[in-house]
PDB file of N, CA and C in Angstrom:
ATOM      1  N   MET A   1      37.391  48.713  49.437  1.00  0.00           N
ATOM      2  CA  MET A   1      37.144  47.865  48.131  1.00  0.00           C
ATOM      3  C   MET A   1      38.505  47.682  47.559  1.00  0.00           C
ATOM      4  N   LYS A   2      39.004  46.705  47.397  1.00  0.00           N
ATOM      5  CA  LYS A   2      40.115  46.023  47.193  1.00  0.00           C
ATOM      6  C   LYS A   2      40.543  46.363  45.486  1.00  0.00           C
ATOM      7  N   ARG A   3      41.603  47.070  45.402  1.00  0.00           N
ATOM      8  CA  ARG A   3      42.263  47.505  44.020  1.00  0.00           C
ATOM      9  C   ARG A   3      42.426  46.279  42.833  1.00  0.00           C
ATOM     10  N   ILE A   4      41.787  46.263  41.843  1.00  0.00           N
ATOM     11  CA  ILE A   4      41.999  44.815  40.956  1.00  0.00           C
ATOM     12  C   ILE A   4      43.268  45.277  40.213  1.00  0.00           C
ATOM     13  N   VAL A   5      44.383  44.244  40.348  1.00  0.00           N
ATOM     14  CA  VAL A   5      45.664  44.206  40.028  1.00  0.00           C
ATOM     15  C   VAL A   5      45.401  43.776  38.235  1.00  0.00           C
ATOM     16  N   ARG A   6      46.036  44.513  37.500  1.00  0.00           N
ATOM     17  CA  ARG A   6      46.153  44.443  35.989  1.00  0.00           C
ATOM     18  C   ARG A   6      47.632  43.910  35.670  1.00  0.00           C
ATOM     19  N   ARG A   7      47.636  42.779  34.678  1.00  0.00           N
ATOM     20  CA  ARG A   7      49.242  42.164  34.516  1.00  0.00           C
ATOM     21  C   ARG A   7      49.453  43.008  33.728  1.00  0.00           C
ATOM     22  N   PRO A   8      50.745  43.304  33.998  1.00  0.00           N
ATOM     23  CA  PRO A   8      51.432  43.935  32.696  1.00  0.00           C
ATOM     24  C   PRO A   8      51.762  43.054  31.391  1.00  0.00           C
ATOM     25  N   GLY A   9      51.614  44.031  30.300  1.00  0.00           N
ATOM     26  CA  GLY A   9      51.806  43.257  28.859  1.00  0.00           C
ATOM     27  C   GLY A   9      50.438  43.812  28.146  1.00  0.00           C
ATOM     28  N   ALA A  10      50.623  43.906  26.969  1.00  0.00           N
ATOM     29  CA  ALA A  10      49.618  43.748  25.944  1.00  0.00           C
ATOM     30  C   ALA A  10      49.292  42.562  25.445  1.00  0.00           C
ATOM     31  N   PHE A  11      47.855  42.502  25.571  1.00  0.00           N
ATOM     32  CA  PHE A  11      46.810  41.538  25.498  1.00  0.00           C
ATOM     33  C   PHE A  11      46.695  41.400  23.835  1.00  0.00           C
ATOM     34  N   VAL A  12      46.508  40.469  23.107  1.00  0.00           N
ATOM     35  CA  VAL A  12      46.097  40.254  21.632  1.00  0.00           C
ATOM     36  C   VAL A  12      44.824  40.374  21.517  1.00  0.00           C
ATOM     37  N   CYS A  13      43.868  39.809  22.518  1.00  0.00           N
ATOM     38  CA  CYS A  13      42.347  40.159  22.203  1.00  0.00           C
ATOM     39  C   CYS A  13      42.094  39.692  23.484  1.00  0.00           C
ATOM     40  N   GLY A  14      40.587  39.737  23.609  1.00  0.00           N
ATOM     41  CA  GLY A  14      39.767  39.675  24.867  1.00  0.00           C
ATOM     42  C   GLY A  14      39.894  38.439  25.249  1.00  0.00           C
ATOM     43  N   ILE A  15      40.163  37.110  24.401  1.00  0.00           N
ATOM     44  CA  ILE A  15      40.500  35.743  25.055  1.00  0.00           C
ATOM     45  C   ILE A  15      41.762  35.724  25.804  1.00  0.00           C
ATOM     46  N   ASP A  16      42.626  36.180  25.372  1.00  0.00           N
ATOM     47  CA  ASP A  16      44.253  36.515  25.861  1.00  0.00           C
ATOM     48  C   ASP A  16      44.052  37.313  27.225  1.00  0.00           C
ATOM     49  N   ALA A  17      43.137  38.256  27.451  1.00  0.00           N
ATOM     50  CA  ALA A  17      43.156  38.915  28.765  1.00  0.00           C
ATOM     51  C   ALA A  17      42.119  37.830  29.610  1.00  0.00           C
ATOM     52  N   ALA A  18      41.089  37.132  29.186  1.00  0.00           N
ATOM     53  CA  ALA A  18      40.207  36.401  30.079  1.00  0.00           C
ATOM     54  C   ALA A  18      41.313  35.088  30.321  1.00  0.00           C
ATOM     55  N   MET A  19      42.078  34.650  29.670  1.00  0.00           N
ATOM     56  CA  MET A  19      42.706  33.155  30.099  1.00  0.00           C
ATOM     57  C   MET A  19      44.127  33.498  30.880  1.00  0.00           C
ATOM     58  N   ASP A  20      44.313  34.821  30.504  1.00  0.00           N
ATOM     59  CA  ASP A  20      45.577  35.374  31.899  1.00  0.00           C
ATOM     60  C   ASP A  20      44.620  35.376  33.114  1.00  0.00           C
ATOM     61  N   VAL A  21      43.687  35.672  33.323  1.00  0.00           N
ATOM     62  CA  VAL A  21      42.846  35.525  34.699  1.00  0.00           C
ATOM     63  C   VAL A  21      42.673  34.121  35.003  1.00  0.00           C
ATOM     64  N   ILE A  22      42.027  33.117  34.295  1.00  0.00           N
ATOM     65  CA  ILE A  22      41.333  31.900  34.298  1.00  0.00           C
ATOM     66  C   ILE A  22      42.389  30.772  34.002  1.00  0.00           C
ATOM     67  N   GLY A  23      43.533  31.089  33.318  1.00  0.00           N
ATOM     68  CA  GLY A  23      44.637  30.126  32.961  1.00  0.00           C
ATOM     69  C   GLY A  23      45.086  29.435  33.916  1.00  0.00           C
ATOM     70  N   GLY A  24      45.515  27.919  33.687  1.00  0.00           N
ATOM     71  CA  GLY A  24      45.867  27.019  34.655  1.00  0.00           C
ATOM     72  C   GLY A  24      44.597  25.645  34.919  1.00  0.00           C
ATOM     73  N   LYS A  25      45.192  25.045  35.335  1.00  0.00           N
ATOM     74  CA  LYS A  25      44.213  23.861  35.774  1.00  0.00           C
ATOM     75  C   LYS A  25      43.648  23.784  36.251  1.00  0.00           C
ATOM     76  N   TRP A  26      43.330  24.677  37.222  1.00  0.00           N
ATOM     77  CA  TRP A  26      42.605  24.649  38.535  1.00  0.00           C
ATOM     78  C   TRP A  26      41.651  25.881  38.826  1.00  0.00           C
ATOM     79  N   LYS A  27      41.661  26.725  38.019  1.00  0.00           N
ATOM     80  CA  LYS A  27      41.198  28.373  38.437  1.00  0.00           C
ATOM     81  C   LYS A  27      39.550  28.061  37.905  1.00  0.00           C
ATOM     82  N   VAL A  28      39.355  27.431  36.916  1.00  0.00           N
ATOM     83  CA  VAL A  28      38.221  27.315  36.265  1.00  0.00           C
ATOM     84  C   VAL A  28      37.046  26.594  37.363  1.00  0.00           C
ATOM     85  N   LEU A  29      37.736  25.211  37.798  1.00  0.00           N
ATOM     86  CA  LEU A  29      37.095  24.488  38.855  1.00  0.00           C
ATOM     87  C   LEU A  29      36.870  25.241  40.159  1.00  0.00           C
ATOM     88  N   ILE A  30      37.899  25.951  40.542  1.00  0.00           N
ATOM     89  CA  ILE A  30      37.517  26.825  41.662  1.00  0.00           C
ATOM     90  C   ILE A  30      36.245  27.937  41.225  1.00  0.00           C
ATOM     91  N   LEU A  31      36.299  28.200  40.545  1.00  0.00           N
ATOM     92  CA  LEU A  31      35.388  29.250  39.720  1.00  0.00           C
ATOM     93  C   LEU A  31      33.658  28.470  39.779  1.00  0.00           C
ATOM     94  N   TRP A  32      34.006  27.147  39.383  1.00  0.00           N
ATOM     95  CA  TRP A  32      32.587  26.272  39.514  1.00  0.00           C
ATOM     96  C   TRP A  32      32.486  25.929  40.555  1.00  0.00           C
ATOM     97  N   ALA A  33      33.277  25.887  41.565  1.00  0.00           N
ATOM     98  CA  ALA A  33      32.799  25.449  43.024  1.00  0.00           C
ATOM     99  C   ALA A  33      31.954  26.473  43.640  1.00  0.00           C
ATOM    100  N   LEU A  34      32.612  27.653  43.610  1.00  0.00           N
ATOM    101  CA  LEU A  34      32.082  28.974  44.097  1.00  0.00           C
ATOM    102  C   LEU A  34      31.103  29.122  43.534  1.00  0.00           C
ATOM    103  N   ASN A  35      30.600  28.989  42.360  1.00  0.00           N
ATOM    104  CA  ASN A  35      29.548  29.345  41.838  1.00  0.00           C
ATOM    105  C   ASN A  35      28.311  28.651  42.473  1.00  0.00           C
ATOM    106  N   GLU A  36      28.576  27.389  42.783  1.00  0.00           N
ATOM    107  CA  GLU A  36      27.685  26.807  43.678  1.00  0.00           C
ATOM    108  C   GLU A  36      27.054  26.972  45.200  1.00  0.00           C
ATOM    109  N   LYS A  37      28.139  27.549  45.929  1.00  0.00           N
ATOM    110  CA  LYS A  37      28.112  27.981  46.978  1.00  0.00           C
ATOM    111  C   LYS A  37      29.306  28.661  47.489  1.00  0.00           C
ATOM    112  N   THR A  38      29.076  29.605  48.510  1.00  0.00           N
ATOM    113  CA  THR A  38      30.252  30.355  49.373  1.00  0.00           C
ATOM    114  C   THR A  38      31.139  28.961  50.088  1.00  0.00           C
ATOM    115  N   CYS A  39      32.270  29.186  50.033  1.00  0.00           N
ATOM    116  CA  CYS A  39      32.971  27.836  50.462  1.00  0.00           C
ATOM    117  C   CYS A  39      33.960  28.362  51.343  1.00  0.00           C
ATOM    118  N   ARG A  40      34.373  27.860  52.532  1.00  0.00           N
ATOM    119  CA  ARG A  40      35.401  27.566  53.173  1.00  0.00           C
ATOM    120  C   ARG A  40      36.673  27.039  52.566  1.00  0.00           C
ATOM    121  N   PHE A  41      37.968  27.047  52.869  1.00  0.00           N
ATOM    122  CA  PHE A  41      39.139  26.831  52.059  1.00  0.00           C
ATOM    123  C   PHE A  41      39.246  25.424  52.199  1.00  0.00           C
ATOM    124  N   GLY A  42      38.796  24.446  53.354  1.00  0.00           N
ATOM    125  CA  GLY A  42      38.498  23.011  53.559  1.00  0.00           C
ATOM    126  C   GLY A  42      37.669  22.377  52.041  1.00  0.00           C
ATOM    127  N   GLU A  43      36.316  22.958  52.072  1.00  0.00           N
ATOM    128  CA  GLU A  43      35.633  22.541  51.327  1.00  0.00           C
ATOM    129  C   GLU A  43      35.851  22.756  50.050  1.00  0.00           C
ATOM    130  N   LEU A  44      36.628  23.937  49.932  1.00  0.00           N
ATOM    131  CA  LEU A  44      37.070  23.938  48.279  1.00  0.00           C
ATOM    132  C   LEU A  44      38.258  23.147  47.755  1.00  0.00           C
ATOM    133  N   ARG A  45      38.570  22.687  49.005  1.00  0.00           N
ATOM    134  CA  ARG A  45      39.808  21.828  48.359  1.00  0.00           C
ATOM    135  C   ARG A  45      39.070  20.466  48.188  1.00  0.00           C
ATOM    136  N   ARG A  46      38.163  20.214  49.096  1.00  0.00           N
ATOM    137  CA  ARG A  46      37.448  18.792  48.894  1.00  0.00           C
ATOM    138  C   ARG A  46      36.413  18.982  47.655  1.00  0.00           C
ATOM    139  N   ALA A  47      36.190  20.141  47.240  1.00  0.00           N
ATOM    140  CA  ALA A  47      35.498  20.371  46.209  1.00  0.00           C
ATOM    141  C   ALA A  47      36.044  20.168  44.576  1.00  0.00           C
ATOM    142  N   VAL A  48      37.518  20.391  44.694  1.00  0.00           N
ATOM    143  CA  VAL A  48      38.355  20.582  43.532  1.00  0.00           C
ATOM    144  C   VAL A  48      39.466  19.464  43.918  1.00  0.00           C
ATOM    145  N   PRO A  49      39.366  17.888  43.918  1.00  0.00           N
ATOM    146  CA  PRO A  49      39.969  16.826  43.987  1.00  0.00           C
ATOM    147  C   PRO A  49      41.359  17.150  43.372  1.00  0.00           C
ATOM    148  N   GLY A  50      42.561  16.717  44.243  1.00  0.00           N
ATOM    149  CA  GLY A  50      43.845  16.843  43.347  1.00  0.00           C
ATOM    150  C   GLY A  50      44.709  17.942  43.697  1.00  0.00           C
ATOM    151  N   VAL A  51      43.968  19.008  43.753  1.00  0.00           N
ATOM    152  CA  VAL A  51      44.591  20.801  43.718  1.00  0.00           C
ATOM    153  C   VAL A  51      45.190  20.511  45.557  1.00  0.00           C
ATOM    154  N   THR A  52      46.320  20.895  45.341  1.00  0.00           N
ATOM    155  CA  THR A  52      47.059  20.999  46.888  1.00  0.00           C
ATOM    156  C   THR A  52      46.758  22.146  47.307  1.00  0.00           C
ATOM    157  N   GLU A  53      47.262  22.311  48.744  1.00  0.00           N
ATOM    158  CA  GLU A  53      46.983  23.517  49.650  1.00  0.00           C
ATOM    159  C   GLU A  53      47.607  24.709  49.098  1.00  0.00           C
ATOM    160  N   LYS A  54      48.970  24.453  48.802  1.00  0.00           N
ATOM    161  CA  LYS A  54      49.623  25.492  47.953  1.00  0.00           C
ATOM    162  C   LYS A  54      49.306  25.945  46.974  1.00  0.00           C
ATOM    163  N   VAL A  55      48.847  25.303  45.920  1.00  0.00           N
ATOM    164  CA  VAL A  55      48.301  25.791  44.540  1.00  0.00           C
ATOM    165  C   VAL A  55      46.948  26.448  44.982  1.00  0.00           C
ATOM    166  N   LEU A  56      46.027  25.879  45.880  1.00  0.00           N
ATOM    167  CA  LEU A  56      44.484  26.819  46.188  1.00  0.00           C
ATOM    168  C   LEU A  56      44.819  28.047  46.562  1.00  0.00           C
ATOM    169  N   SER A  57      45.625  27.691  47.328  1.00  0.00           N
ATOM    170  CA  SER A  57      46.146  29.200  47.909  1.00  0.00           C
ATOM    171  C   SER A  57      46.323  30.338  47.397  1.00  0.00           C
ATOM    172  N   SER A  58      47.576  29.716  46.634  1.00  0.00           N
ATOM    173  CA  SER A  58      48.073  30.748  45.418  1.00  0.00           C
ATOM    174  C   SER A  58      46.982  31.123  44.356  1.00  0.00           C
ATOM    175  N   HIS A  59      45.711  30.304  43.947  1.00  0.00           N
ATOM    176  CA  HIS A  59      44.849  30.965  42.724  1.00  0.00           C
ATOM    177  C   HIS A  59      43.971  31.622  43.511  1.00  0.00           C
ATOM    178  N   LEU A  60      43.444  31.420  44.697  1.00  0.00           N
ATOM    179  CA  LEU A  60      42.493  31.896  45.257  1.00  0.00           C
ATOM    180  C   LEU A  60      43.125  33.506  45.690  1.00  0.00           C
ATOM    181  N   LYS A  61      44.430  33.854  45.974  1.00  0.00           N
ATOM    182  CA  LYS A  61      44.838  34.973  46.207  1.00  0.00           C
ATOM    183  C   LYS A  61      44.852  35.886  44.598  1.00  0.00           C
ATOM    184  N   GLU A  62      45.098  35.129  43.531  1.00  0.00           N
ATOM    185  CA  GLU A  62      45.133  35.638  42.288  1.00  0.00           C
ATOM    186  C   GLU A  62      44.067  36.128  42.031  1.00  0.00           C
ATOM    187  N   LEU A  63      42.799  35.296  42.150  1.00  0.00           N
ATOM    188  CA  LEU A  63      41.535  35.522  41.595  1.00  0.00           C
ATOM    189  C   LEU A  63      41.175  36.574  42.568  1.00  0.00           C
ATOM    190  N   GLU A  64      41.382  36.643  43.821  1.00  0.00           N
ATOM    191  CA  GLU A  64      40.921  37.800  44.797  1.00  0.00           C
ATOM    192  C   GLU A  64      41.689  38.885  44.273  1.00  0.00           C
ATOM    193  N   ASP A  65      42.670  39.013  44.048  1.00  0.00           N
ATOM    194  CA  ASP A  65      43.903  40.563  43.545  1.00  0.00           C
ATOM    195  C   ASP A  65      43.140  40.597  42.084  1.00  0.00           C
ATOM    196  N   ASP A  66      42.496  39.675  41.281  1.00  0.00           N
ATOM    197  CA  ASP A  66      41.850  40.346  39.807  1.00  0.00           C
ATOM    198  C   ASP A  66      40.453  40.457  40.230  1.00  0.00           C
ATOM    199  N   GLY A  67      40.114  40.433  41.605  1.00  0.00           N
ATOM    200  CA  GLY A  67      38.775  41.178  41.968  1.00  0.00           C
ATOM    201  C   GLY A  67      37.416  39.958  41.308  1.00  0.00           C
ATOM    202  N   ILE A  68      37.838  38.585  41.106  1.00  0.00           N
ATOM    203  CA  ILE A  68      36.839  37.893  40.655  1.00  0.00           C
ATOM    204  C   ILE A  68      36.389  36.919  41.935  1.00  0.00           C
ATOM    205  N   VAL A  69      36.984  36.867  43.260  1.00  0.00           N
ATOM    206  CA  VAL A  69      36.746  36.222  44.463  1.00  0.00           C
ATOM    207  C   VAL A  69      36.756  37.290  45.538  1.00  0.00           C
ATOM    208  N   HIS A  70      35.922  37.187  46.428  1.00  0.00           N
ATOM    209  CA  HIS A  70      36.081  37.931  47.584  1.00  0.00           C
ATOM    210  C   HIS A  70      36.153  37.011  48.590  1.00  0.00           C
ATOM    211  N   ARG A  71      37.093  37.415  49.831  1.00  0.00           N
ATOM    212  CA  ARG A  71      37.364  36.642  50.946  1.00  0.00           C
ATOM    213  C   ARG A  71      37.244  37.098  51.914  1.00  0.00           C
ATOM    214  N   GLU A  72      36.250  36.650  52.918  1.00  0.00           N
ATOM    215  CA  GLU A  72      35.853  37.118  53.915  1.00  0.00           C
ATOM    216  C   GLU A  72      36.126  36.563  55.194  1.00  0.00           C
ATOM    217  N   VAL A  73      36.791  37.427  56.424  1.00  0.00           N
ATOM    218  CA  VAL A  73      37.243  36.763  57.193  1.00  0.00           C
ATOM    219  C   VAL A  73      36.545  37.275  58.408  1.00  0.00           C
ATOM    220  N   TYR A  74      36.503  36.317  59.342  1.00  0.00           N
ATOM    221  CA  TYR A  74      35.180  36.502  60.148  1.00  0.00           C
ATOM    222  C   TYR A  74      35.875  36.554  61.850  1.00  0.00           C
ATOM    223  N   ALA A  75      35.988  37.687  62.291  1.00  0.00           N
ATOM    224  CA  ALA A  75      36.548  37.887  63.888  1.00  0.00           C
ATOM    225  C   ALA A  75      36.000  36.976  64.769  1.00  0.00           C
ATOM    226  N   GLU A  76      36.455  35.191  64.434  1.00  0.00           N
ATOM    227  CA  GLU A  76      35.868  34.644  65.830  1.00  0.00           C
ATOM    228  C   GLU A  76      37.167  33.618  65.928  1.00  0.00           C
ATOM    229  N   VAL A  77      37.049  33.166  67.110  1.00  0.00           N
ATOM    230  CA  VAL A  77      37.911  32.114  67.265  1.00  0.00           C
ATOM    231  C   VAL A  77      37.635  30.645  67.390  1.00  0.00           C
ATOM    232  N   PRO A  78      38.276  29.798  66.587  1.00  0.00           N
ATOM    233  CA  PRO A  78      39.200  29.839  65.604  1.00  0.00           C
ATOM    234  C   PRO A  78      38.677  30.888  64.420  1.00  0.00           C
ATOM    235  N   PRO A  79      39.627  31.635  63.809  1.00  0.00           N
ATOM    236  CA  PRO A  79      39.318  32.469  62.780  1.00  0.00           C
ATOM    237  C   PRO A  79      38.574  31.660  61.601  1.00  0.00           C
ATOM    238  N   ARG A  80      37.806  32.274  61.129  1.00  0.00           N
ATOM    239  CA  ARG A  80      36.671  31.463  59.704  1.00  0.00           C
ATOM    240  C   ARG A  80      36.981  32.183  58.454  1.00  0.00           C
ATOM    241  N   VAL A  81      37.243  31.673  57.620  1.00  0.00           N
ATOM    242  CA  VAL A  81      37.600  32.533  56.349  1.00  0.00           C
ATOM    243  C   VAL A  81      36.561  31.636  55.283  1.00  0.00           C
ATOM    244  N   GLU A  82      35.653  32.754  54.665  1.00  0.00           N
ATOM    245  CA  GLU A  82      34.826  31.924  53.201  1.00  0.00           C
ATOM    246  C   GLU A  82      35.320  32.863  52.399  1.00  0.00           C
ATOM    247  N   TYR A  83      34.959  32.014  51.056  1.00  0.00           N
ATOM    248  CA  TYR A  83      35.326  32.692  49.934  1.00  0.00           C
ATOM    249  C   TYR A  83      33.919  32.603  48.913  1.00  0.00           C
ATOM    250  N   SER A  84      33.651  33.321  48.180  1.00  0.00           N
ATOM    251  CA  SER A  84      32.687  33.447  47.208  1.00  0.00           C
ATOM    252  C   SER A  84      32.889  34.363  46.306  1.00  0.00           C
ATOM    253  N   LEU A  85      31.970  34.562  45.076  1.00  0.00           N
ATOM    254  CA  LEU A  85      32.553  34.914  43.838  1.00  0.00           C
ATOM    255  C   LEU A  85      31.862  36.602  43.973  1.00  0.00           C
ATOM    256  N   THR A  86      32.695  37.585  43.495  1.00  0.00           N
ATOM    257  CA  THR A  86      32.171  38.905  43.346  1.00  0.00           C
ATOM    258  C   THR A  86      30.912  39.085  42.001  1.00  0.00           C
ATOM    259  N   PRO A  87      30.516  40.364  42.066  1.00  0.00           N
ATOM    260  CA  PRO A  87      29.824  40.550  40.760  1.00  0.00           C
ATOM    261  C   PRO A  87      30.498  40.091  39.534  1.00  0.00           C
ATOM    262  N   LEU A  88      31.590  40.499  39.521  1.00  0.00           N
ATOM    263  CA  LEU A  88      32.736  40.411  38.465  1.00  0.00           C
ATOM    264  C   LEU A  88      32.932  38.826  38.214  1.00  0.00           C
ATOM    265  N   GLY A  89      33.112  38.025  39.181  1.00  0.00           N
ATOM    266  CA  GLY A  89      33.351  36.351  39.406  1.00  0.00           C
ATOM    267  C   GLY A  89      32.281  35.772  38.920  1.00  0.00           C
ATOM    268  N   LEU A  90      30.775  36.347  39.034  1.00  0.00           N
ATOM    269  CA  LEU A  90      29.684  36.107  38.544  1.00  0.00           C
ATOM    270  C   LEU A  90      29.438  35.709  37.214  1.00  0.00           C
ATOM    271  N   SER A  91      29.729  37.176  36.437  1.00  0.00           N
ATOM    272  CA  SER A  91      29.796  37.472  35.231  1.00  0.00           C
ATOM    273  C   SER A  91      30.573  36.650  34.433  1.00  0.00           C
ATOM    274  N   LEU A  92      31.984  36.258  34.788  1.00  0.00           N
ATOM    275  CA  LEU A  92      33.114  35.407  34.211  1.00  0.00           C
ATOM    276  C   LEU A  92      32.426  34.110  34.344  1.00  0.00           C
ATOM    277  N   ASN A  93      31.708  33.524  35.092  1.00  0.00           N
ATOM    278  CA  ASN A  93      31.025  32.376  35.187  1.00  0.00           C
ATOM    279  C   ASN A  93      30.018  32.069  34.072  1.00  0.00           C
ATOM    280  N   ALA A  94      29.116  33.500  33.802  1.00  0.00           N
ATOM    281  CA  ALA A  94      28.266  33.077  33.040  1.00  0.00           C
ATOM    282  C   ALA A  94      28.808  33.237  31.728  1.00  0.00           C
ATOM    283  N   ALA A  95      29.976  33.983  31.291  1.00  0.00           N
ATOM    284  CA  ALA A  95      30.671  34.101  30.236  1.00  0.00           C
ATOM    285  C   ALA A  95      31.607  32.701  29.725  1.00  0.00           C
ATOM    286  N   LEU A  96      31.721  31.724  30.886  1.00  0.00           N
ATOM    287  CA  LEU A  96      31.905  30.495  30.658  1.00  0.00           C
ATOM    288  C   LEU A  96      31.334  29.270  30.357  1.00  0.00           C
ATOM    289  N   GLU A  97      29.657  29.702  30.499  1.00  0.00           N
ATOM    290  CA  GLU A  97      28.671  28.633  30.561  1.00  0.00           C
ATOM    291  C   GLU A  97      28.644  27.969  29.108  1.00  0.00           C
ATOM    292  N   PRO A  98      29.040  29.063  27.949  1.00  0.00           N
ATOM    293  CA  PRO A  98      28.807  28.451  26.668  1.00  0.00           C
ATOM    294  C   PRO A  98      30.089  27.443  26.316  1.00  0.00           C
ATOM    295  N   LEU A  99      31.079  27.629  26.909  1.00  0.00           N
ATOM    296  CA  LEU A  99      32.322  26.746  27.028  1.00  0.00           C
ATOM    297  C   LEU A  99      32.085  25.558  27.755  1.00  0.00           C
ATOM    298  N   GLY A 100      31.280  25.535  28.646  1.00  0.00           N
ATOM    299  CA  GLY A 100      31.040  24.537  29.590  1.00  0.00           C
ATOM    300  C   GLY A 100      29.824  23.626  28.647  1.00  0.00           C
ATOM    301  N   ALA A 101      29.043  24.136  27.728  1.00  0.00           N
ATOM    302  CA  ALA A 101      27.918  23.599  27.207  1.00  0.00           C
ATOM    303  C   ALA A 101      28.550  22.803  25.584  1.00  0.00           C
ATOM    304  N   TRP A 102      29.668  23.850  25.311  1.00  0.00           N
ATOM    305  CA  TRP A 102      30.705  23.212  24.322  1.00  0.00           C
ATOM    306  C   TRP A 102      31.144  21.933  24.595  1.00  0.00           C
ATOM    307  N   GLY A 103      31.750  21.913  26.086  1.00  0.00           N
ATOM    308  CA  GLY A 103      32.399  20.801  26.282  1.00  0.00           C
ATOM    309  C   GLY A 103      31.306  19.583  26.475  1.00  0.00           C
ATOM    310  N   ARG A 104      30.280  19.687  27.145  1.00  0.00           N
ATOM    311  CA  ARG A 104      29.443  18.603  27.537  1.00  0.00           C
ATOM    312  C   ARG A 104      28.818  18.318  25.992  1.00  0.00           C
ATOM    313  N   ASP A 105      28.758  18.914  25.282  1.00  0.00           N
ATOM    314  CA  ASP A 105      28.393  18.420  23.700  1.00  0.00           C
ATOM    315  C   ASP A 105      29.300  17.693  22.941  1.00  0.00           C
ATOM    316  N   HIS A 106      30.509  17.759  23.616  1.00  0.00           N
ATOM    317  CA  HIS A 106      31.696  17.101  22.764  1.00  0.00           C
ATOM    318  C   HIS A 106      32.264  15.971  23.353  1.00  0.00           C
ATOM    319  N   ILE A 107      31.984  15.822  24.650  1.00  0.00           N
ATOM    320  CA  ILE A 107      32.565  15.181  25.935  1.00  0.00           C
ATOM    321  C   ILE A 107      32.347  13.447  24.932  1.00  0.00           C
ATOM    322  N   TYR A 108      31.191  13.214  24.338  1.00  0.00           N
ATOM    323  CA  TYR A 108      30.861  11.684  24.250  1.00  0.00           C
ATOM    324  C   TYR A 108      30.876  11.617  22.807  1.00  0.00           C
ATOM    325  N   ARG A 109      31.297  12.406  21.568  1.00  0.00           N
ATOM    326  CA  ARG A 109      31.451  12.879  20.569  1.00  0.00           C
ATOM    327  C   ARG A 109      32.054  11.566  19.731  1.00  0.00           C
ATOM    328  N   GLY A 110      31.596  11.042  18.974  1.00  0.00           N
ATOM    329  CA  GLY A 110      32.474   9.868  18.586  1.00  0.00           C
ATOM    330  C   GLY A 110      32.291   8.786  19.490  1.00  0.00           C
ATOM    331  N   VAL A 111      31.661   8.768  20.379  1.00  0.00           N
ATOM    332  CA  VAL A 111      31.350   7.553  21.233  1.00  0.00           C
ATOM    333  C   VAL A 111      30.348   6.633  20.800  1.00  0.00           C
ATOM    334  N   GLU A 112      30.541   5.480  20.013  1.00  0.00           N
ATOM    335  CA  GLU A 112      29.293   4.883  19.760  1.00  0.00           C
ATOM    336  C   GLU A 112      28.426   3.910  20.769  1.00  0.00           C
ATOM    337  N   GLY A 113      26.919   4.890  20.339  1.00  0.00           N
ATOM    338  CA  GLY A 113      26.185   3.813  21.545  1.00  0.00           C
ATOM    339  C   GLY A 113      25.942   4.602  22.801  1.00  0.00           C
ATOM    340  N   ALA A 114      26.797   5.822  22.870  1.00  0.00           N
ATOM    341  CA  ALA A 114      26.597   6.380  24.357  1.00  0.00           C
ATOM    342  C   ALA A 114      25.231   7.007  24.523  1.00  0.00           C
ATOM    343  N   ASP A 115      25.018   6.255  25.914  1.00  0.00           N
ATOM    344  CA  ASP A 115      23.557   6.568  26.744  1.00  0.00           C
ATOM    345  C   ASP A 115      23.277   8.010  26.571  1.00  0.00           C
ATOM    346  N   ALA A 116      21.935   8.568  25.960  1.00  0.00           N
ATOM    347  CA  ALA A 116      21.751   9.725  25.859  1.00  0.00           C
ATOM    348  C   ALA A 116      21.434  10.494  27.279  1.00  0.00           C
ATOM    349  N   GLU A 117      21.083   9.439  28.061  1.00  0.00           N
ATOM    350  CA  GLU A 117      20.753  10.184  29.461  1.00  0.00           C
ATOM    351  C   GLU A 117      22.193  10.194  30.094  1.00  0.00           C
ATOM    352  N   ALA A 118      23.327   9.526  29.900  1.00  0.00           N
ATOM    353  CA  ALA A 118      24.415   9.291  30.497  1.00  0.00           C
ATOM    354  C   ALA A 118      25.000  10.861  30.153  1.00  0.00           C
ATOM    355  N   ALA A 119      24.784  11.083  28.671  1.00  0.00           N
ATOM    356  CA  ALA A 119      25.364  12.114  28.002  1.00  0.00           C
ATOM    357  C   ALA A 119      24.886  13.812  28.553  1.00  0.00           C
ATOM    358  N   ALA A 120      23.723  13.628  29.238  1.00  0.00           N
ATOM    359  CA  ALA A 120      23.086  14.810  29.303  1.00  0.00           C
ATOM    360  C   ALA A 120      23.481  14.855  31.009  1.00  0.00           C
ATOM    361  N   GLU A 121      24.346  14.057  31.817  1.00  0.00           N
ATOM    362  CA  GLU A 121      24.588  13.790  32.968  1.00  0.00           C
ATOM    363  C   GLU A 121      25.507  15.058  33.458  1.00  0.00           C
ATOM    364  N   PRO A 122      25.487  15.786  34.188  1.00  0.00           N
ATOM    365  CA  PRO A 122      26.488  16.765  34.558  1.00  0.00           C
ATOM    366  C   PRO A 122      28.160  16.120  34.769  1.00  0.00           C
ATOM    367  N   VAL A 123      28.981  16.731  34.208  1.00  0.00           N
ATOM    368  CA  VAL A 123      30.536  16.168  34.341  1.00  0.00           C
ATOM    369  C   VAL A 123      31.220  17.448  35.063  1.00  0.00           C
ATOM    370  N   ALA A 124      31.882  16.866  36.193  1.00  0.00           N
ATOM    371  CA  ALA A 124      32.927  17.735  37.005  1.00  0.00           C
ATOM    372  C   ALA A 124      33.274  19.097  36.149  1.00  0.00           C
ATOM    373  N   GLY A 125      33.056  20.147  36.673  1.00  0.00           N
ATOM    374  CA  GLY A 125      33.402  21.084  35.916  1.00  0.00           C
ATOM    375  C   GLY A 125      32.628  21.534  34.287  1.00  0.00           C
ATOM    376  N   LEU A 126      31.831  20.818  34.116  1.00  0.00           N
ATOM    377  CA  LEU A 126      30.903  21.097  33.137  1.00  0.00           C
ATOM    378  C   LEU A 126      29.489  21.076  32.866  1.00  0.00           C
ATOM    379  N   GLY A 127      29.093  20.942  34.085  1.00  0.00           N
ATOM    380  CA  GLY A 127      28.040  20.330  34.531  1.00  0.00           C
ATOM    381  C   GLY A 127      27.128  21.491  34.244  1.00  0.00           C
ATOM    382  N   LYS A 128      25.745  21.238  34.003  1.00  0.00           N
ATOM    383  CA  LYS A 128      24.691  22.218  33.771  1.00  0.00           C
ATOM    384  C   LYS A 128      24.127  23.340  34.862  1.00  0.00           C
ATOM    385  N   ARG A 129      24.078  24.529  34.717  1.00  0.00           N
ATOM    386  CA  ARG A 129      23.862  25.712  35.547  1.00  0.00           C
ATOM    387  C   ARG A 129      22.385  25.737  35.665  1.00  0.00           C
TER     388      ARG A 129
END
């Protein structure tokens, strides 16, 4: 089993420690995509539109180092690599669900006449599990 890397520095609170792991524009969307299914690199890149290969690769490595993502390399030609969430990653996504619910509730806040059905539709990164 891979060793989980702890970043140096004291955290002010648990939120601070969690944000250290999931901070950035793309990590939560990567976690969201991996919560749906195990993905290969190209699938993840398509599931997270706008992320560059370099940033996706870097974030996957960081999430793997933190014990959130598992990287499975298959001894095939051509090589096949799949990414999935570890139990720790699944628990992190479960902890993020209330944040997603808060986001869904507030997306249409202040929008006059917003269709209730449209408000219930999942929004990328905020959909219902």
